[in-house]
Amino acid sequence: MVSLVDIAQPQNLIEAWGKNAAYHFVFTRQNRGKLDALTDLVERGLVKPVIGATLPLARMGEAHELLENGSARGLRGKVVIDVSGEAGA
């Protein structure tokens, strides 16, 4: 799972570690020019994500299983979690 957090609003990671959570961090600098260029590419259809499966939040366990074993089952692409509840059950 990927989360973007604002450094101005620190997260309580100590509390989360007690709930069997693992964290891996990548720090980046904001670059409006690069984000605008990426937005332009996406809007023009030149960058298209490959989505291998879309699952509702209620099937998060299955999503994790797909991430761990999906290549053996022929999964190609990202696993998307639909938090709106509109994905098929």
Protein backbone atom coordinates (compact mmCIF):
# COMPACT_ATOMS: atom_id res chain seq x y z
CA MET A 1 0.00 0.00 0.00
CA VAL A 2 1.30 3.45 -0.83
CA SER A 3 0.43 6.54 1.15
CA LEU A 4 1.48 10.08 0.57
CA VAL A 5 1.78 12.12 3.72
CA ASP A 6 2.45 15.76 4.33
CA ILE A 7 5.55 16.31 6.43
CA ALA A 8 3.73 19.23 8.11
CA GLN A 9 1.29 16.66 9.55
CA PRO A 10 3.53 13.97 11.12
CA GLN A 11 2.09 10.48 11.41
CA ASN A 12 2.21 8.40 14.59
CA LEU A 13 4.32 5.52 13.27
CA ILE A 14 5.13 4.13 16.72
CA GLU A 15 1.44 3.37 17.28
CA ALA A 16 1.14 1.70 13.87
CA TRP A 17 4.22 -0.50 14.39
CA GLY A 18 2.42 -2.14 17.29
CA LYS A 19 -0.21 -3.30 14.78
CA ASN A 20 2.19 -5.37 12.65
CA ALA A 21 2.73 -2.65 10.04
CA ALA A 22 5.92 -2.35 8.00
CA TYR A 23 7.13 0.91 6.50
CA HIS A 24 9.48 1.68 3.65
CA PHE A 25 10.13 5.34 2.89
CA VAL A 26 11.05 7.20 -0.25
CA PHE A 27 11.56 10.92 0.15
CA THR A 28 11.19 13.18 -2.86
CA ARG A 29 11.28 16.88 -3.49
CA GLN A 30 8.24 18.61 -4.88
CA ASN A 31 8.71 19.64 -8.48
CA ARG A 32 5.70 21.35 -10.01
CA GLY A 33 7.23 21.41 -13.49
CA LYS A 34 7.71 17.64 -13.59
CA LEU A 35 4.22 17.00 -12.20
CA ASP A 36 2.72 19.29 -14.84
CA ALA A 37 4.67 17.49 -17.58
CA LEU A 38 3.49 14.10 -16.26
CA THR A 39 -0.11 15.36 -16.11
CA ASP A 40 0.16 16.46 -19.73
CA LEU A 41 1.44 13.03 -20.81
CA VAL A 42 -1.39 11.25 -18.95
CA GLU A 43 -4.04 13.59 -20.38
CA ARG A 44 -2.71 13.02 -23.91
CA GLY A 45 -2.88 9.25 -23.38
CA LEU A 46 0.88 8.75 -23.70
CA VAL A 47 1.24 7.26 -20.21
CA LYS A 48 -1.16 4.44 -19.41
CA PRO A 49 -0.95 2.33 -16.28
CA VAL A 50 -1.44 -1.40 -16.72
CA ILE A 51 -4.12 -2.51 -14.26
CA GLY A 52 -4.17 -6.24 -13.67
CA ALA A 53 -6.99 -6.33 -11.11
CA THR A 54 -9.38 -3.95 -9.36
CA LEU A 55 -10.79 -5.08 -6.04
CA PRO A 56 -13.02 -3.43 -3.43
CA LEU A 57 -11.56 -2.54 -0.05
CA ALA A 58 -13.42 -5.48 1.52
CA ARG A 59 -11.19 -7.85 -0.51
CA MET A 60 -7.88 -6.37 0.64
CA GLY A 61 -6.63 -9.82 1.71
CA GLU A 62 -7.11 -11.13 -1.82
CA ALA A 63 -5.29 -8.06 -3.16
CA HIS A 64 -2.28 -8.88 -0.96
CA GLU A 65 -2.36 -12.49 -2.14
CA LEU A 66 -2.37 -11.27 -5.75
CA LEU A 67 0.63 -9.07 -5.08
CA GLU A 68 2.52 -11.97 -3.52
CA ASN A 69 1.54 -14.71 -5.99
CA GLY A 70 0.02 -12.92 -8.95
CA SER A 71 2.85 -13.56 -11.38
CA ALA A 72 2.38 -17.31 -10.88
CA ARG A 73 -1.31 -16.83 -11.76
CA GLY A 74 -0.58 -14.71 -14.83
CA LEU A 75 -1.31 -11.32 -13.26
CA ARG A 76 0.19 -8.51 -15.28
CA GLY A 77 -0.06 -4.95 -13.99
CA LYS A 78 -1.00 -3.12 -10.83
CA VAL A 79 -3.55 -4.21 -8.25
CA VAL A 80 -5.95 -1.34 -7.58
CA ILE A 81 -8.04 -1.02 -4.42
CA ASP A 82 -11.38 0.69 -5.03
CA VAL A 83 -12.19 2.53 -1.82
CA SER A 84 -15.42 3.94 -3.26
CA GLY A 85 -17.03 0.50 -3.19
CA GLU A 86 -17.90 0.54 -6.90
CA ALA A 87 -15.66 -2.38 -7.94
CA GLY A 88 -17.32 -5.72 -8.47
CA ALA A 89 -17.42 -8.01 -5.44
